[in-house]
């Protein structure tokens, strides 16, 4: 699928897979959660609806992706309202995300995997040339895998196993790669 355009596996509609984070978080909550689901989602709704201050890290990434942001109406509406890229100290609002999260708070993952939110996602992805389908969402299941466990810098780190690269990268970090705190001077 990516042979003629290798960049399409990283960028664009063909890079879009089934979003699994919501289903994973919900499963973790069902197994281990104590608070009501809506209570857990409420802070994210608040931030999306009322906005948050753009910090240096986000401002840097907005600037580095300026061309892509300005070329995409959806991204531009969020990160370049009124045609101007957000910068440090600006307020980033996500009103549409707030509405989506309200549905997720009320209906759980079914709002995405079996509801109008998912149908809208599929419509947008396919209009942009992607191949994601409603059936892909409906048949998504959470896979529980053994984490990669690493001891580094005095911490036990649990990371995602392949196909994610995060756990493997962390496993390659050794405390000897970093100077001892007593060797670091101001």
Protein backbone atom coordinates (compact mmCIF):
# COMPACT_ATOMS: atom_id res chain seq x y z
CA UNK A 1 0.00 0.00 0.00
CA UNK A 2 2.88 2.38 0.77
CA UNK A 3 5.28 1.23 -1.95
CA UNK A 4 4.57 4.09 -4.35
CA UNK A 5 4.52 6.70 -1.56
CA UNK A 6 6.43 5.65 1.58
CA UNK A 7 5.59 8.95 3.32
CA UNK A 8 1.87 8.05 3.25
CA UNK A 9 2.40 5.58 6.10
CA UNK A 10 3.37 8.51 8.34
CA UNK A 11 1.27 11.34 6.98
CA UNK A 12 -2.14 11.60 5.37
CA UNK A 13 -5.32 9.55 5.30
CA UNK A 14 -3.60 6.21 4.62
CA UNK A 15 -1.70 6.55 7.90
CA UNK A 16 -4.94 6.53 9.90
CA UNK A 17 -5.67 3.32 11.78
CA UNK A 18 -8.37 2.43 14.26
CA UNK A 19 -7.89 4.65 17.32
CA UNK A 20 -7.47 2.23 20.21
CA UNK A 21 -6.61 4.49 23.12
CA UNK A 22 -10.22 5.13 24.13
CA UNK A 23 -11.05 1.42 24.22
CA UNK A 24 -7.87 0.69 26.17
CA UNK A 25 -8.49 3.41 28.73
CA UNK A 26 -12.08 2.28 29.15
CA UNK A 27 -11.03 -1.33 29.67
CA UNK A 28 -8.46 -0.26 32.27
CA UNK A 29 -11.16 1.79 34.01
CA UNK A 30 -13.63 -1.13 33.95
CA UNK A 31 -11.01 -3.40 35.53
CA UNK A 32 -9.39 -1.03 38.00
CA UNK A 33 -11.32 2.24 38.16
CA UNK A 34 -13.02 3.55 41.23
CA UNK A 35 -14.40 6.90 40.09
CA UNK A 36 -17.35 7.22 37.70
CA UNK A 37 -16.29 7.29 34.02
CA UNK A 38 -17.88 10.72 33.51
CA UNK A 39 -15.82 12.10 36.40
CA UNK A 40 -12.62 10.95 34.70
CA UNK A 41 -13.52 12.55 31.36
CA UNK A 42 -14.74 15.84 32.85
CA UNK A 43 -11.30 17.55 33.16
CA UNK A 44 -10.56 16.88 29.47
CA UNK A 45 -13.94 18.34 28.51
CA UNK A 46 -13.18 21.43 30.58
CA UNK A 47 -9.77 21.97 28.96
CA UNK A 48 -11.14 21.48 25.46
CA UNK A 49 -14.09 23.81 26.00
CA UNK A 50 -12.32 26.55 27.95
CA UNK A 51 -8.90 26.25 26.39
CA UNK A 52 -5.39 25.94 27.72
CA UNK A 53 -2.32 28.13 27.50
CA UNK A 54 0.09 27.18 24.72
CA UNK A 55 3.38 26.27 26.35
CA UNK A 56 6.82 26.46 24.66
CA UNK A 57 6.87 22.76 23.71
CA UNK A 58 3.56 22.96 21.84
CA UNK A 59 4.43 26.32 20.29
CA UNK A 60 7.66 24.81 18.93
CA UNK A 61 5.78 21.93 17.32
CA UNK A 62 3.14 24.23 15.87
CA UNK A 63 5.90 26.31 14.26
CA UNK A 64 7.75 23.25 12.95
CA UNK A 65 4.53 21.93 11.35
CA UNK A 66 3.31 25.34 10.14
CA UNK A 67 2.99 24.39 6.47
CA UNK A 68 1.01 21.23 7.25
CA UNK A 69 -1.23 23.04 9.72
CA UNK A 70 -2.02 25.90 7.36
CA UNK A 71 -2.72 23.46 4.51
CA UNK A 72 -5.32 21.51 6.53
CA UNK A 73 -8.58 23.28 7.42
CA UNK A 74 -9.22 21.14 10.49
CA UNK A 75 -5.75 21.73 11.92
CA UNK A 76 -5.79 25.39 10.95
CA UNK A 77 -9.10 25.91 12.76
CA UNK A 78 -7.44 24.66 15.95
CA UNK A 79 -3.81 25.82 15.72
CA UNK A 80 -4.17 28.87 13.47
CA UNK A 81 -7.48 30.51 14.27
CA UNK A 82 -7.99 33.65 12.21
CA UNK A 83 -5.13 32.51 9.96
CA UNK A 84 -2.40 33.13 12.57
CA UNK A 85 -0.48 30.27 14.18
CA UNK A 86 -0.82 30.01 17.93
CA UNK A 87 2.28 30.92 19.89
CA UNK A 88 3.47 30.83 23.51
CA UNK A 89 0.86 32.27 25.83
CA UNK A 90 -2.07 32.03 23.41
CA UNK A 91 -5.17 30.06 24.37
CA UNK A 92 -5.90 26.91 22.38
CA UNK A 93 -9.61 26.06 22.25
CA UNK A 94 -11.04 22.70 21.14
CA UNK A 95 -14.82 23.26 21.16
CA UNK A 96 -15.58 20.35 18.80
CA UNK A 97 -13.42 18.03 20.88
CA UNK A 98 -15.31 19.13 23.98
CA UNK A 99 -18.59 18.04 22.34
CA UNK A 100 -17.04 14.71 21.33
CA UNK A 101 -15.75 14.13 24.84
CA UNK A 102 -19.20 14.88 26.27
CA UNK A 103 -20.56 12.03 24.16
CA UNK A 104 -17.69 9.77 25.26
CA UNK A 105 -18.37 10.66 28.91
CA UNK A 106 -22.05 9.80 28.46
CA UNK A 107 -21.81 6.70 26.23
CA UNK A 108 -18.27 5.41 26.75
CA UNK A 109 -16.35 3.96 23.80
CA UNK A 110 -19.52 3.05 21.92
CA UNK A 111 -19.79 6.76 21.02
CA UNK A 112 -16.77 6.21 18.80
CA UNK A 113 -16.81 2.55 17.84
CA UNK A 114 -20.56 2.21 17.27
CA UNK A 115 -21.89 5.74 17.00
CA UNK A 116 -22.07 8.99 15.10
CA UNK A 117 -18.58 10.09 16.14
CA UNK A 118 -17.11 7.04 14.45
CA UNK A 119 -19.26 7.51 11.37
CA UNK A 120 -18.06 11.11 11.09
CA UNK A 121 -14.45 9.95 11.47
CA UNK A 122 -14.90 7.40 8.69
CA UNK A 123 -16.50 9.98 6.41
CA UNK A 124 -13.60 12.39 6.93
CA UNK A 125 -10.88 9.75 6.53
CA UNK A 126 -12.40 8.30 3.37
CA UNK A 127 -12.98 11.76 1.88
CA UNK A 128 -9.25 12.37 2.34
CA UNK A 129 -8.37 9.09 0.58
CA UNK A 130 -8.13 6.72 3.55
CA UNK A 131 -9.43 3.18 3.76
CA UNK A 132 -10.73 3.01 7.35
CA UNK A 133 -14.27 1.60 7.53
CA UNK A 134 -17.14 1.49 10.02
CA UNK A 135 -16.54 -2.26 10.25
CA UNK A 136 -12.95 -1.60 11.32
CA UNK A 137 -14.25 0.45 14.24
CA UNK A 138 -17.00 -2.01 15.14
CA UNK A 139 -14.60 -4.98 15.20
CA UNK A 140 -11.82 -3.31 17.15
CA UNK A 141 -10.73 -5.20 20.26
CA UNK A 142 -8.20 -4.29 22.91
CA UNK A 143 -5.12 -6.50 22.96
CA UNK A 144 -3.49 -6.89 26.36
CA UNK A 145 0.22 -7.57 26.06
CA UNK A 146 2.99 -8.08 28.56
CA UNK A 147 4.86 -4.81 29.05
CA UNK A 148 8.57 -4.40 28.60
CA UNK A 149 9.97 -3.92 32.11
CA UNK A 150 13.17 -1.95 32.48
CA UNK A 151 15.14 -0.85 35.52
CA UNK A 152 16.83 2.46 34.79
CA UNK A 153 18.05 5.41 36.86
CA UNK A 154 16.52 3.90 40.00
CA UNK A 155 13.08 3.46 38.47
CA UNK A 156 11.12 0.49 37.20
CA UNK A 157 9.66 1.52 33.86
CA UNK A 158 6.79 -0.37 32.24
CA UNK A 159 6.62 0.26 28.50
CA UNK A 160 4.61 -0.83 25.51
CA UNK A 161 5.99 -3.87 23.69
CA UNK A 162 6.28 -4.04 19.89
CA UNK A 163 4.77 -3.01 17.57
CA UNK A 164 5.14 0.17 19.66
CA UNK A 165 8.73 1.37 19.85
CA UNK A 166 8.42 3.27 23.14
CA UNK A 167 9.14 0.41 25.51
CA UNK A 168 12.06 -0.85 23.45
CA UNK A 169 13.63 2.61 23.30
CA UNK A 170 13.33 3.09 27.05
CA UNK A 171 14.83 -0.37 27.59
CA UNK A 172 17.97 0.82 25.78
CA UNK A 173 18.48 3.69 28.24
CA UNK A 174 20.94 2.82 30.97
CA UNK A 175 21.79 4.86 33.99
CA UNK A 176 25.45 4.76 32.95
CA UNK A 177 24.50 6.88 29.93
CA UNK A 178 23.77 9.79 32.25
CA UNK A 179 26.18 11.60 34.53
CA UNK A 180 25.86 10.97 38.20
CA UNK A 181 23.96 13.81 39.93
CA UNK A 182 27.02 14.53 42.08
CA UNK A 183 29.13 15.01 38.92
CA UNK A 184 26.78 17.53 37.39
CA UNK A 185 27.66 21.09 38.29
CA UNK A 186 25.51 24.18 38.00
